Amino acid sequence: MEPPIYTHALWRVKPGQEEAFIEAWTALGEAFFALERPPLWGTLIRSAAEPGVFYSFGPWQKAQDVESMRSDPTSQKALAALVALCEEATPGSYHLVRHVEVKK
Protein backbone atom coordinates (compact mmCIF):
# COMPACT_ATOMS: atom_id res chain seq x y z
CA MET A 1 0.00 0.00 0.00
CA GLU A 2 1.30 3.42 -0.99
CA PRO A 3 1.69 5.82 1.96
CA PRO A 4 -0.46 8.95 1.84
CA ILE A 5 0.93 12.17 0.44
CA TYR A 6 0.23 15.50 2.10
CA THR A 7 -0.41 18.88 0.60
CA HIS A 8 0.78 21.80 2.70
CA ALA A 9 0.83 25.52 2.04
CA LEU A 10 1.90 28.77 3.62
CA TRP A 11 -0.47 31.64 2.83
CA ARG A 12 0.41 35.29 3.55
CA VAL A 13 -2.90 37.03 3.04
CA LYS A 14 -3.19 40.64 1.90
CA PRO A 15 -4.16 42.94 4.79
CA GLY A 16 -7.92 43.18 5.20
CA GLN A 17 -8.56 40.06 3.11
CA GLU A 18 -8.42 37.50 5.93
CA GLU A 19 -12.16 36.74 6.09
CA ALA A 20 -12.42 36.55 2.30
CA PHE A 21 -9.45 34.19 2.35
CA ILE A 22 -11.13 31.88 4.88
CA GLU A 23 -14.25 31.78 2.69
CA ALA A 24 -12.16 31.10 -0.43
CA TRP A 25 -10.27 28.32 1.38
CA THR A 26 -13.60 26.76 2.33
CA ALA A 27 -14.65 26.90 -1.33
CA LEU A 28 -11.35 25.26 -2.29
CA GLY A 29 -12.08 22.47 0.17
CA GLU A 30 -15.52 21.99 -1.36
CA ALA A 31 -13.92 21.73 -4.81
CA PHE A 32 -11.45 19.17 -3.49
CA PHE A 33 -14.14 17.07 -1.81
CA ALA A 34 -16.15 17.00 -5.06
CA LEU A 35 -13.24 15.24 -6.79
CA GLU A 36 -13.46 11.55 -7.65
CA ARG A 37 -10.53 10.89 -5.27
CA PRO A 38 -10.68 13.67 -2.64
CA PRO A 39 -8.29 14.27 0.25
CA LEU A 40 -8.90 12.41 3.49
CA TRP A 41 -9.35 15.73 5.33
CA GLY A 42 -8.09 19.29 5.27
CA THR A 43 -7.05 21.74 7.99
CA LEU A 44 -6.53 25.50 7.94
CA ILE A 45 -4.64 27.09 10.84
CA ARG A 46 -3.89 30.75 11.49
CA SER A 47 -0.88 32.28 13.20
CA ALA A 48 -1.62 33.54 16.71
CA ALA A 49 1.09 36.20 16.32
CA GLU A 50 0.45 37.24 12.69
CA PRO A 51 -3.26 37.13 11.78
CA GLY A 52 -2.51 37.33 8.06
CA VAL A 53 -0.44 34.13 8.07
CA PHE A 54 -2.22 30.83 7.50
CA TYR A 55 -1.10 27.26 6.90
CA SER A 56 -3.17 24.50 5.39
CA PHE A 57 -2.49 20.80 5.15
CA GLY A 58 -4.13 17.47 4.56
CA PRO A 59 -3.44 13.92 3.36
CA TRP A 60 -4.39 12.32 0.07
CA GLN A 61 -4.46 8.57 -0.64
CA LYS A 62 -1.92 8.72 -3.49
CA ALA A 63 0.35 11.16 -5.29
CA GLN A 64 -1.75 10.54 -8.39
CA ASP A 65 -4.78 11.98 -6.56
CA VAL A 66 -2.88 15.23 -5.97
CA GLU A 67 -1.86 15.33 -9.65
CA SER A 68 -5.51 14.84 -10.65
CA MET A 69 -6.59 17.65 -8.31
CA ARG A 70 -3.99 20.00 -9.77
CA SER A 71 -5.24 19.36 -13.31
CA ASP A 72 -8.93 19.67 -12.39
CA PRO A 73 -10.40 22.93 -13.81
CA THR A 74 -12.70 23.55 -10.82
CA SER A 75 -9.84 23.06 -8.36
CA GLN A 76 -7.56 25.30 -10.45
CA LYS A 77 -10.18 28.07 -10.44
CA ALA A 78 -10.73 27.79 -6.67
CA LEU A 79 -6.97 27.80 -6.04
CA ALA A 80 -6.50 30.87 -8.28
CA ALA A 81 -9.18 32.73 -6.28
CA LEU A 82 -7.33 31.87 -3.08
CA VAL A 83 -3.92 32.92 -4.42
CA ALA A 84 -5.37 36.25 -5.60
CA LEU A 85 -6.04 37.14 -1.96
CA CYS A 86 -2.42 36.51 -0.95
CA GLU A 87 0.89 38.33 -1.01
CA GLU A 88 2.61 34.94 -0.88
CA ALA A 89 1.32 31.41 -1.50
CA THR A 90 3.58 28.37 -1.34
CA PRO A 91 1.59 25.16 -1.83
CA GLY A 92 3.48 21.89 -2.20
CA SER A 93 3.36 18.13 -1.78
CA TYR A 94 5.11 16.28 1.03
CA HIS A 95 5.77 12.71 2.11
CA LEU A 96 5.08 11.65 5.66
CA VAL A 97 8.35 10.94 7.46
CA ARG A 98 7.17 10.29 10.99
CA HIS A 99 3.97 10.56 13.01
CA VAL A 100 3.80 10.29 16.79
CA GLU A 101 0.82 9.91 19.08
CA VAL A 102 0.38 9.78 22.81
CA LYS A 103 0.44 6.19 24.02
CA LYS A 104 -2.48 5.30 26.25
PDB file of N, CA and C in Angstrom:
ATOM      1  N   MET A   1       0.840  -1.190   0.000  1.00  0.00           N
ATOM      2  CA  MET A   1       0.000   0.000   0.000  1.00  0.00           C
ATOM      3  C   MET A   1       0.882   1.249   0.000  1.00  0.00           C
ATOM      4  N   GLU A   2       0.557   2.160  -0.874  1.00  0.00           N
ATOM      5  CA  GLU A   2       1.301   3.416  -0.986  1.00  0.00           C
ATOM      6  C   GLU A   2       0.972   4.317   0.209  1.00  0.00           C
ATOM      7  N   PRO A   3       1.995   4.910   0.843  1.00  0.00           N
ATOM      8  CA  PRO A   3       1.695   5.817   1.959  1.00  0.00           C
ATOM      9  C   PRO A   3       1.002   7.082   1.447  1.00  0.00           C
ATOM     10  N   PRO A   4       0.213   7.724   2.294  1.00  0.00           N
ATOM     11  CA  PRO A   4      -0.463   8.954   1.844  1.00  0.00           C
ATOM     12  C   PRO A   4       0.551  10.052   1.543  1.00  0.00           C
ATOM     13  N   ILE A   5       0.125  10.985   0.735  1.00  0.00           N
ATOM     14  CA  ILE A   5       0.929  12.169   0.445  1.00  0.00           C
ATOM     15  C   ILE A   5       0.146  13.369   0.977  1.00  0.00           C
ATOM     16  N   TYR A   6       0.862  14.327   1.512  1.00  0.00           N
ATOM     17  CA  TYR A   6       0.230  15.499   2.102  1.00  0.00           C
ATOM     18  C   TYR A   6       0.428  16.712   1.214  1.00  0.00           C
ATOM     19  N   THR A   7      -0.594  17.547   1.154  1.00  0.00           N
ATOM     20  CA  THR A   7      -0.414  18.883   0.597  1.00  0.00           C
ATOM     21  C   THR A   7      -0.314  19.829   1.790  1.00  0.00           C
ATOM     22  N   HIS A   8       0.527  20.826   1.628  1.00  0.00           N
ATOM     23  CA  HIS A   8       0.779  21.799   2.695  1.00  0.00           C
ATOM     24  C   HIS A   8       1.055  23.128   2.019  1.00  0.00           C
ATOM     25  N   ALA A   9       0.582  24.208   2.626  1.00  0.00           N
ATOM     26  CA  ALA A   9       0.833  25.525   2.042  1.00  0.00           C
ATOM     27  C   ALA A   9       0.950  26.584   3.122  1.00  0.00           C
ATOM     28  N   LEU A  10       1.808  27.530   2.854  1.00  0.00           N
ATOM     29  CA  LEU A  10       1.898  28.770   3.622  1.00  0.00           C
ATOM     30  C   LEU A  10       1.155  29.817   2.809  1.00  0.00           C
ATOM     31  N   TRP A  11       0.303  30.580   3.479  1.00  0.00           N
ATOM     32  CA  TRP A  11      -0.467  31.643   2.826  1.00  0.00           C
ATOM     33  C   TRP A  11      -0.249  32.937   3.600  1.00  0.00           C
ATOM     34  N   ARG A  12       0.313  33.940   2.965  1.00  0.00           N
ATOM     35  CA  ARG A  12       0.408  35.289   3.554  1.00  0.00           C
ATOM     36  C   ARG A  12      -0.660  36.130   2.869  1.00  0.00           C
ATOM     37  N   VAL A  13      -1.712  36.382   3.598  1.00  0.00           N
ATOM     38  CA  VAL A  13      -2.900  37.028   3.043  1.00  0.00           C
ATOM     39  C   VAL A  13      -2.733  38.547   3.050  1.00  0.00           C
ATOM     40  N   LYS A  14      -3.225  39.176   1.994  1.00  0.00           N
ATOM     41  CA  LYS A  14      -3.189  40.638   1.900  1.00  0.00           C
ATOM     42  C   LYS A  14      -3.970  41.230   3.074  1.00  0.00           C
ATOM     43  N   PRO A  15      -3.467  42.320   3.658  1.00  0.00           N
ATOM     44  CA  PRO A  15      -4.163  42.944   4.787  1.00  0.00           C
ATOM     45  C   PRO A  15      -5.617  43.262   4.450  1.00  0.00           C
ATOM     46  N   GLY A  16      -6.500  42.934   5.382  1.00  0.00           N
ATOM     47  CA  GLY A  16      -7.919  43.183   5.199  1.00  0.00           C
ATOM     48  C   GLY A  16      -8.662  42.106   4.434  1.00  0.00           C
ATOM     49  N   GLN A  17      -7.945  41.114   3.916  1.00  0.00           N
ATOM     50  CA  GLN A  17      -8.556  40.059   3.106  1.00  0.00           C
ATOM     51  C   GLN A  17      -8.702  38.733   3.865  1.00  0.00           C
ATOM     52  N   GLU A  18      -8.455  38.741   5.157  1.00  0.00           N
ATOM     53  CA  GLU A  18      -8.424  37.499   5.930  1.00  0.00           C
ATOM     54  C   GLU A  18      -9.756  36.737   5.896  1.00  0.00           C
ATOM     55  N   GLU A  19     -10.863  37.432   6.092  1.00  0.00           N
ATOM     56  CA  GLU A  19     -12.158  36.740   6.091  1.00  0.00           C
ATOM     57  C   GLU A  19     -12.504  36.217   4.703  1.00  0.00           C
ATOM     58  N   ALA A  20     -12.203  36.998   3.675  1.00  0.00           N
ATOM     59  CA  ALA A  20     -12.424  36.547   2.298  1.00  0.00           C
ATOM     60  C   ALA A  20     -11.556  35.330   2.003  1.00  0.00           C
ATOM     61  N   PHE A  21     -10.346  35.323   2.536  1.00  0.00           N
ATOM     62  CA  PHE A  21      -9.453  34.186   2.351  1.00  0.00           C
ATOM     63  C   PHE A  21     -10.046  32.922   2.978  1.00  0.00           C
ATOM     64  N   ILE A  22     -10.553  33.042   4.194  1.00  0.00           N
ATOM     65  CA  ILE A  22     -11.135  31.883   4.877  1.00  0.00           C
ATOM     66  C   ILE A  22     -12.308  31.337   4.067  1.00  0.00           C
ATOM     67  N   GLU A  23     -13.127  32.213   3.532  1.00  0.00           N
ATOM     68  CA  GLU A  23     -14.252  31.775   2.694  1.00  0.00           C
ATOM     69  C   GLU A  23     -13.749  31.098   1.415  1.00  0.00           C
ATOM     70  N   ALA A  24     -12.720  31.680   0.797  1.00  0.00           N
ATOM     71  CA  ALA A  24     -12.160  31.101  -0.428  1.00  0.00           C
ATOM     72  C   ALA A  24     -11.508  29.751  -0.145  1.00  0.00           C
ATOM     73  N   TRP A  25     -10.875  29.612   1.018  1.00  0.00           N
ATOM     74  CA  TRP A  25     -10.266  28.324   1.383  1.00  0.00           C
ATOM     75  C   TRP A  25     -11.358  27.272   1.587  1.00  0.00           C
ATOM     76  N   THR A  26     -12.470  27.676   2.166  1.00  0.00           N
ATOM     77  CA  THR A  26     -13.599  26.759   2.335  1.00  0.00           C
ATOM     78  C   THR A  26     -14.124  26.314   0.973  1.00  0.00           C
ATOM     79  N   ALA A  27     -14.214  27.236   0.032  1.00  0.00           N
ATOM     80  CA  ALA A  27     -14.650  26.903  -1.328  1.00  0.00           C
ATOM     81  C   ALA A  27     -13.659  25.959  -2.002  1.00  0.00           C
ATOM     82  N   LEU A  28     -12.375  26.164  -1.757  1.00  0.00           N
ATOM     83  CA  LEU A  28     -11.354  25.263  -2.294  1.00  0.00           C
ATOM     84  C   LEU A  28     -11.569  23.859  -1.736  1.00  0.00           C
ATOM     85  N   GLY A  29     -11.812  23.771  -0.439  1.00  0.00           N
ATOM     86  CA  GLY A  29     -12.084  22.466   0.166  1.00  0.00           C
ATOM     87  C   GLY A  29     -13.290  21.788  -0.455  1.00  0.00           C
ATOM     88  N   GLU A  30     -14.329  22.556  -0.716  1.00  0.00           N
ATOM     89  CA  GLU A  30     -15.521  21.989  -1.359  1.00  0.00           C
ATOM     90  C   GLU A  30     -15.188  21.466  -2.749  1.00  0.00           C
ATOM     91  N   ALA A  31     -14.349  22.194  -3.488  1.00  0.00           N
ATOM     92  CA  ALA A  31     -13.920  21.731  -4.810  1.00  0.00           C
ATOM     93  C   ALA A  31     -13.124  20.433  -4.681  1.00  0.00           C
ATOM     94  N   PHE A  32     -12.240  20.379  -3.695  1.00  0.00           N
ATOM     95  CA  PHE A  32     -11.447  19.169  -3.488  1.00  0.00           C
ATOM     96  C   PHE A  32     -12.336  17.976  -3.140  1.00  0.00           C
ATOM     97  N   PHE A  33     -13.302  18.182  -2.257  1.00  0.00           N
ATOM     98  CA  PHE A  33     -14.141  17.068  -1.812  1.00  0.00           C
ATOM     99  C   PHE A  33     -15.145  16.631  -2.864  1.00  0.00           C
ATOM    100  N   ALA A  34     -15.308  17.398  -3.933  1.00  0.00           N
ATOM    101  CA  ALA A  34     -16.148  17.000  -5.055  1.00  0.00           C
ATOM    102  C   ALA A  34     -15.374  16.137  -6.060  1.00  0.00           C
ATOM    103  N   LEU A  35     -14.064  16.029  -5.887  1.00  0.00           N
ATOM    104  CA  LEU A  35     -13.241  15.235  -6.795  1.00  0.00           C
ATOM    105  C   LEU A  35     -13.563  13.747  -6.651  1.00  0.00           C
ATOM    106  N   GLU A  36     -13.256  13.003  -7.699  1.00  0.00           N
ATOM    107  CA  GLU A  36     -13.462  11.547  -7.651  1.00  0.00           C
ATOM    108  C   GLU A  36     -12.635  10.913  -6.534  1.00  0.00           C
ATOM    109  N   ARG A  37     -11.402  11.395  -6.341  1.00  0.00           N
ATOM    110  CA  ARG A  37     -10.530  10.887  -5.271  1.00  0.00           C
ATOM    111  C   ARG A  37     -10.100  12.087  -4.408  1.00  0.00           C
ATOM    112  N   PRO A  38     -10.941  12.476  -3.459  1.00  0.00           N
ATOM    113  CA  PRO A  38     -10.676  13.670  -2.645  1.00  0.00           C
ATOM    114  C   PRO A  38      -9.629  13.404  -1.561  1.00  0.00           C
ATOM    115  N   PRO A  39      -9.194  14.462  -0.887  1.00  0.00           N
ATOM    116  CA  PRO A  39      -8.289  14.272   0.249  1.00  0.00           C
ATOM    117  C   PRO A  39      -9.049  13.576   1.384  1.00  0.00           C
ATOM    118  N   LEU A  40      -8.284  13.052   2.330  1.00  0.00           N
ATOM    119  CA  LEU A  40      -8.904  12.407   3.488  1.00  0.00           C
ATOM    120  C   LEU A  40      -9.522  13.447   4.416  1.00  0.00           C
ATOM    121  N   TRP A  41      -8.875  14.593   4.543  1.00  0.00           N
ATOM    122  CA  TRP A  41      -9.349  15.730   5.333  1.00  0.00           C
ATOM    123  C   TRP A  41      -8.478  16.928   5.012  1.00  0.00           C
ATOM    124  N   GLY A  42      -8.880  18.080   5.469  1.00  0.00           N
ATOM    125  CA  GLY A  42      -8.088  19.293   5.275  1.00  0.00           C
ATOM    126  C   GLY A  42      -8.194  20.173   6.505  1.00  0.00           C
ATOM    127  N   THR A  43      -7.105  20.869   6.814  1.00  0.00           N
ATOM    128  CA  THR A  43      -7.054  21.737   7.989  1.00  0.00           C
ATOM    129  C   THR A  43      -6.444  23.082   7.604  1.00  0.00           C
ATOM    130  N   LEU A  44      -7.056  24.153   8.111  1.00  0.00           N
ATOM    131  CA  LEU A  44      -6.526  25.501   7.945  1.00  0.00           C
ATOM    132  C   LEU A  44      -6.235  26.031   9.343  1.00  0.00           C
ATOM    133  N   ILE A  45      -5.001  26.472   9.560  1.00  0.00           N
ATOM    134  CA  ILE A  45      -4.642  27.089  10.837  1.00  0.00           C
ATOM    135  C   ILE A  45      -4.128  28.492  10.569  1.00  0.00           C
ATOM    136  N   ARG A  46      -4.257  29.341  11.601  1.00  0.00           N
ATOM    137  CA  ARG A  46      -3.892  30.754  11.490  1.00  0.00           C
ATOM    138  C   ARG A  46      -2.876  31.081  12.572  1.00  0.00           C
ATOM    139  N   SER A  47      -1.889  31.867  12.240  1.00  0.00           N
ATOM    140  CA  SER A  47      -0.877  32.278  13.204  1.00  0.00           C
ATOM    141  C   SER A  47      -1.504  33.094  14.322  1.00  0.00           C
ATOM    142  N   ALA A  48      -1.149  32.764  15.557  1.00  0.00           N
ATOM    143  CA  ALA A  48      -1.621  33.538  16.708  1.00  0.00           C
ATOM    144  C   ALA A  48      -0.915  34.890  16.777  1.00  0.00           C
ATOM    145  N   ALA A  49       0.301  34.969  16.258  1.00  0.00           N
ATOM    146  CA  ALA A  49       1.095  36.201  16.317  1.00  0.00           C
ATOM    147  C   ALA A  49       0.901  37.102  15.101  1.00  0.00           C
ATOM    148  N   GLU A  50       0.623  36.496  13.937  1.00  0.00           N
ATOM    149  CA  GLU A  50       0.448  37.244  12.688  1.00  0.00           C
ATOM    150  C   GLU A  50      -0.867  36.822  12.041  1.00  0.00           C
ATOM    151  N   PRO A  51      -1.947  37.562  12.253  1.00  0.00           N
ATOM    152  CA  PRO A  51      -3.263  37.129  11.784  1.00  0.00           C
ATOM    153  C   PRO A  51      -3.408  36.990  10.270  1.00  0.00           C
ATOM    154  N   GLY A  52      -2.457  37.484   9.507  1.00  0.00           N
ATOM    155  CA  GLY A  52      -2.509  37.329   8.055  1.00  0.00           C
ATOM    156  C   GLY A  52      -1.764  36.112   7.552  1.00  0.00           C
ATOM    157  N   VAL A  53      -1.206  35.325   8.457  1.00  0.00           N
ATOM    158  CA  VAL A  53      -0.445  34.133   8.069  1.00  0.00           C
ATOM    159  C   VAL A  53      -1.263  32.885   8.390  1.00  0.00           C
ATOM    160  N   PHE A  54      -1.476  32.081   7.370  1.00  0.00           N
ATOM    161  CA  PHE A  54      -2.224  30.835   7.497  1.00  0.00           C
ATOM    162  C   PHE A  54      -1.382  29.681   6.958  1.00  0.00           C
ATOM    163  N   TYR A  55      -1.668  28.493   7.440  1.00  0.00           N
ATOM    164  CA  TYR A  55      -1.103  27.263   6.902  1.00  0.00           C
ATOM    165  C   TYR A  55      -2.254  26.306   6.668  1.00  0.00           C
ATOM    166  N   SER A  56      -2.179  25.543   5.615  1.00  0.00           N
ATOM    167  CA  SER A  56      -3.171  24.497   5.386  1.00  0.00           C
ATOM    168  C   SER A  56      -2.440  23.209   5.056  1.00  0.00           C
ATOM    169  N   PHE A  57      -3.091  22.107   5.406  1.00  0.00           N
ATOM    170  CA  PHE A  57      -2.490  20.802   5.146  1.00  0.00           C
ATOM    171  C   PHE A  57      -3.553  19.725   5.175  1.00  0.00           C
ATOM    172  N   GLY A  58      -3.236  18.618   4.532  1.00  0.00           N
ATOM    173  CA  GLY A  58      -4.126  17.469   4.558  1.00  0.00           C
ATOM    174  C   GLY A  58      -3.556  16.324   3.738  1.00  0.00           C
ATOM    175  N   PRO A  59      -3.941  15.092   4.073  1.00  0.00           N
ATOM    176  CA  PRO A  59      -3.444  13.917   3.361  1.00  0.00           C
ATOM    177  C   PRO A  59      -4.350  13.483   2.202  1.00  0.00           C
ATOM    178  N   TRP A  60      -3.715  12.911   1.220  1.00  0.00           N
ATOM    179  CA  TRP A  60      -4.387  12.316   0.066  1.00  0.00           C
ATOM    180  C   TRP A  60      -3.950  10.854   0.001  1.00  0.00           C
ATOM    181  N   GLN A  61      -4.784  10.001  -0.565  1.00  0.00           N
ATOM    182  CA  GLN A  61      -4.463   8.571  -0.640  1.00  0.00           C
ATOM    183  C   GLN A  61      -3.181   8.313  -1.432  1.00  0.00           C
ATOM    184  N   LYS A  62      -3.059   8.969  -2.593  1.00  0.00           N
ATOM    185  CA  LYS A  62      -1.925   8.716  -3.489  1.00  0.00           C
ATOM    186  C   LYS A  62      -1.452  10.010  -4.139  1.00  0.00           C
ATOM    187  N   ALA A  63      -0.198  10.014  -4.559  1.00  0.00           N
ATOM    188  CA  ALA A  63       0.348  11.164  -5.286  1.00  0.00           C
ATOM    189  C   ALA A  63      -0.465  11.434  -6.554  1.00  0.00           C
ATOM    190  N   GLN A  64      -0.946  10.396  -7.179  1.00  0.00           N
ATOM    191  CA  GLN A  64      -1.755  10.540  -8.394  1.00  0.00           C
ATOM    192  C   GLN A  64      -3.029  11.343  -8.117  1.00  0.00           C
ATOM    193  N   ASP A  65      -3.576  11.217  -6.917  1.00  0.00           N
ATOM    194  CA  ASP A  65      -4.776  11.979  -6.562  1.00  0.00           C
ATOM    195  C   ASP A  65      -4.477  13.477  -6.509  1.00  0.00           C
ATOM    196  N   VAL A  66      -3.294  13.826  -6.021  1.00  0.00           N
ATOM    197  CA  VAL A  66      -2.884  15.233  -5.970  1.00  0.00           C
ATOM    198  C   VAL A  66      -2.680  15.747  -7.398  1.00  0.00           C
ATOM    199  N   GLU A  67      -2.060  14.948  -8.243  1.00  0.00           N
ATOM    200  CA  GLU A  67      -1.862  15.335  -9.645  1.00  0.00           C
ATOM    201  C   GLU A  67      -3.202  15.565 -10.333  1.00  0.00           C
ATOM    202  N   SER A  68      -4.170  14.687 -10.061  1.00  0.00           N
ATOM    203  CA  SER A  68      -5.511  14.844 -10.649  1.00  0.00           C
ATOM    204  C   SER A  68      -6.172  16.130 -10.160  1.00  0.00           C
ATOM    205  N   MET A  69      -6.017  16.417  -8.869  1.00  0.00           N
ATOM    206  CA  MET A  69      -6.586  17.653  -8.310  1.00  0.00           C
ATOM    207  C   MET A  69      -5.974  18.869  -8.995  1.00  0.00           C
ATOM    208  N   ARG A  70      -4.669  18.840  -9.189  1.00  0.00           N
ATOM    209  CA  ARG A  70      -3.991  20.002  -9.772  1.00  0.00           C
ATOM    210  C   ARG A  70      -4.338  20.222 -11.236  1.00  0.00           C
ATOM    211  N   SER A  71      -4.840  19.201 -11.909  1.00  0.00           N
ATOM    212  CA  SER A  71      -5.240  19.364 -13.307  1.00  0.00           C
ATOM    213  C   SER A  71      -6.748  19.568 -13.459  1.00  0.00           C
ATOM    214  N   ASP A  72      -7.485  19.501 -12.369  1.00  0.00           N
ATOM    215  CA  ASP A  72      -8.931  19.673 -12.395  1.00  0.00           C
ATOM    216  C   ASP A  72      -9.281  21.152 -12.558  1.00  0.00           C
ATOM    217  N   PRO A  73     -10.075  21.517 -13.570  1.00  0.00           N
ATOM    218  CA  PRO A  73     -10.401  22.929 -13.810  1.00  0.00           C
ATOM    219  C   PRO A  73     -11.094  23.617 -12.633  1.00  0.00           C
ATOM    220  N   THR A  74     -11.994  22.940 -11.957  1.00  0.00           N
ATOM    221  CA  THR A  74     -12.696  23.553 -10.824  1.00  0.00           C
ATOM    222  C   THR A  74     -11.728  23.822  -9.680  1.00  0.00           C
ATOM    223  N   SER A  75     -10.843  22.869  -9.416  1.00  0.00           N
ATOM    224  CA  SER A  75      -9.842  23.061  -8.361  1.00  0.00           C
ATOM    225  C   SER A  75      -8.874  24.176  -8.728  1.00  0.00           C
ATOM    226  N   GLN A  76      -8.464  24.237  -9.996  1.00  0.00           N
ATOM    227  CA  GLN A  76      -7.565  25.303 -10.448  1.00  0.00           C
ATOM    228  C   GLN A  76      -8.200  26.676 -10.254  1.00  0.00           C
ATOM    229  N   LYS A  77      -9.479  26.798 -10.581  1.00  0.00           N
ATOM    230  CA  LYS A  77     -10.177  28.071 -10.442  1.00  0.00           C
ATOM    231  C   LYS A  77     -10.272  28.466  -8.968  1.00  0.00           C
ATOM    232  N   ALA A  78     -10.612  27.517  -8.102  1.00  0.00           N
ATOM    233  CA  ALA A  78     -10.727  27.793  -6.667  1.00  0.00           C
ATOM    234  C   ALA A  78      -9.367  28.166  -6.082  1.00  0.00           C
ATOM    235  N   LEU A  79      -8.324  27.492  -6.524  1.00  0.00           N
ATOM    236  CA  LEU A  79      -6.972  27.803  -6.043  1.00  0.00           C
ATOM    237  C   LEU A  79      -6.536  29.186  -6.518  1.00  0.00           C
ATOM    238  N   ALA A  80      -6.850  29.540  -7.753  1.00  0.00           N
ATOM    239  CA  ALA A  80      -6.499  30.866  -8.275  1.00  0.00           C
ATOM    240  C   ALA A  80      -7.200  31.969  -7.478  1.00  0.00           C
ATOM    241  N   ALA A  81      -8.449  31.740  -7.088  1.00  0.00           N
ATOM    242  CA  ALA A  81      -9.180  32.733  -6.283  1.00  0.00           C
ATOM    243  C   ALA A  81      -8.511  32.906  -4.922  1.00  0.00           C
ATOM    244  N   LEU A  82      -8.016  31.827  -4.370  1.00  0.00           N
ATOM    245  CA  LEU A  82      -7.331  31.872  -3.082  1.00  0.00           C
ATOM    246  C   LEU A  82      -6.004  32.629  -3.200  1.00  0.00           C
ATOM    247  N   VAL A  83      -5.224  32.290  -4.204  1.00  0.00           N
ATOM    248  CA  VAL A  83      -3.916  32.924  -4.416  1.00  0.00           C
ATOM    249  C   VAL A  83      -4.066  34.422  -4.659  1.00  0.00           C
ATOM    250  N   ALA A  84      -5.153  34.827  -5.311  1.00  0.00           N
ATOM    251  CA  ALA A  84      -5.372  36.246  -5.600  1.00  0.00           C
ATOM    252  C   ALA A  84      -5.525  37.076  -4.323  1.00  0.00           C
ATOM    253  N   LEU A  85      -5.878  36.441  -3.231  1.00  0.00           N
ATOM    254  CA  LEU A  85      -6.041  37.140  -1.956  1.00  0.00           C
ATOM    255  C   LEU A  85      -4.744  37.201  -1.150  1.00  0.00           C
ATOM    256  N   CYS A  86      -3.668  36.667  -1.708  1.00  0.00           N
ATOM    257  CA  CYS A  86      -2.424  36.511  -0.955  1.00  0.00           C
ATOM    258  C   CYS A  86      -1.281  37.353  -1.521  1.00  0.00           C
ATOM    259  N   GLU A  87      -0.387  37.737  -0.617  1.00  0.00           N
ATOM    260  CA  GLU A  87       0.885  38.328  -1.011  1.00  0.00           C
ATOM    261  C   GLU A  87       1.890  37.230  -1.332  1.00  0.00           C
ATOM    262  N   GLU A  88       1.725  36.090  -0.680  1.00  0.00           N
ATOM    263  CA  GLU A  88       2.609  34.940  -0.878  1.00  0.00           C
ATOM    264  C   GLU A  88       1.786  33.675  -0.700  1.00  0.00           C
ATOM    265  N   ALA A  89       1.982  32.718  -1.585  1.00  0.00           N
ATOM    266  CA  ALA A  89       1.323  31.413  -1.499  1.00  0.00           C
ATOM    267  C   ALA A  89       2.332  30.362  -1.916  1.00  0.00           C
ATOM    268  N   THR A  90       2.569  29.387  -1.043  1.00  0.00           N
ATOM    269  CA  THR A  90       3.578  28.367  -1.337  1.00  0.00           C
ATOM    270  C   THR A  90       3.018  26.962  -1.113  1.00  0.00           C
ATOM    271  N   PRO A  91       2.097  26.524  -1.966  1.00  0.00           N
ATOM    272  CA  PRO A  91       1.594  25.159  -1.832  1.00  0.00           C
ATOM    273  C   PRO A  91       2.620  24.145  -2.335  1.00  0.00           C
ATOM    274  N   GLY A  92       2.578  22.952  -1.770  1.00  0.00           N
ATOM    275  CA  GLY A  92       3.480  21.892  -2.199  1.00  0.00           C
ATOM    276  C   GLY A  92       2.987  20.542  -1.721  1.00  0.00           C
ATOM    277  N   SER A  93       3.674  19.504  -2.160  1.00  0.00           N
ATOM    278  CA  SER A  93       3.362  18.126  -1.776  1.00  0.00           C
ATOM    279  C   SER A  93       4.489  17.574  -0.934  1.00  0.00           C
ATOM    280  N   TYR A  94       4.130  16.784   0.062  1.00  0.00           N
ATOM    281  CA  TYR A  94       5.109  16.277   1.025  1.00  0.00           C
ATOM    282  C   TYR A  94       4.820  14.831   1.381  1.00  0.00           C
ATOM    283  N   HIS A  95       5.892  14.089   1.641  1.00  0.00           N
ATOM    284  CA  HIS A  95       5.770  12.709   2.108  1.00  0.00           C
ATOM    285  C   HIS A  95       5.854  12.674   3.622  1.00  0.00           C
ATOM    286  N   LEU A  96       5.041  11.833   4.220  1.00  0.00           N
ATOM    287  CA  LEU A  96       5.076  11.646   5.662  1.00  0.00           C
ATOM    288  C   LEU A  96       6.377  10.944   6.043  1.00  0.00           C
ATOM    289  N   VAL A  97       7.093  11.514   6.979  1.00  0.00           N
ATOM    290  CA  VAL A  97       8.348  10.936   7.456  1.00  0.00           C
ATOM    291  C   VAL A  97       8.128  10.227   8.782  1.00  0.00           C
ATOM    292  N   ARG A  98       7.411  10.876   9.676  1.00  0.00           N
ATOM    293  CA  ARG A  98       7.169  10.292  10.993  1.00  0.00           C
ATOM    294  C   ARG A  98       5.911  10.902  11.567  1.00  0.00           C
ATOM    295  N   HIS A  99       5.182  10.105  12.315  1.00  0.00           N
ATOM    296  CA  HIS A  99       3.973  10.556  13.011  1.00  0.00           C
ATOM    297  C   HIS A  99       4.016   9.967  14.407  1.00  0.00           C
ATOM    298  N   VAL A 100       3.801  10.777  15.406  1.00  0.00           N
ATOM    299  CA  VAL A 100       3.798  10.288  16.790  1.00  0.00           C
ATOM    300  C   VAL A 100       2.450  10.587  17.439  1.00  0.00           C
ATOM    301  N   GLU A 101       2.056   9.730  18.330  1.00  0.00           N
ATOM    302  CA  GLU A 101       0.822   9.908  19.079  1.00  0.00           C
ATOM    303  C   GLU A 101       1.092   9.559  20.530  1.00  0.00           C
ATOM    304  N   VAL A 102       0.290  10.091  21.387  1.00  0.00           N
ATOM    305  CA  VAL A 102       0.384   9.778  22.808  1.00  0.00           C
ATOM    306  C   VAL A 102      -0.035   8.320  22.998  1.00  0.00           C
ATOM    307  N   LYS A 103       0.772   7.574  23.718  1.00  0.00           N
ATOM    308  CA  LYS A 103       0.436   6.191  24.017  1.00  0.00           C
ATOM    309  C   LYS A 103      -0.479   6.157  25.225  1.00  0.00           C
ATOM    310  N   LYS A 104      -1.517   5.389  25.139  1.00  0.00           N
ATOM    311  CA  LYS A 104      -2.480   5.297  26.251  1.00  0.00           C
ATOM    312  C   LYS A 104      -2.315   4.005  27.010  1.00  0.00           C
TER     313      LYS A 104
END
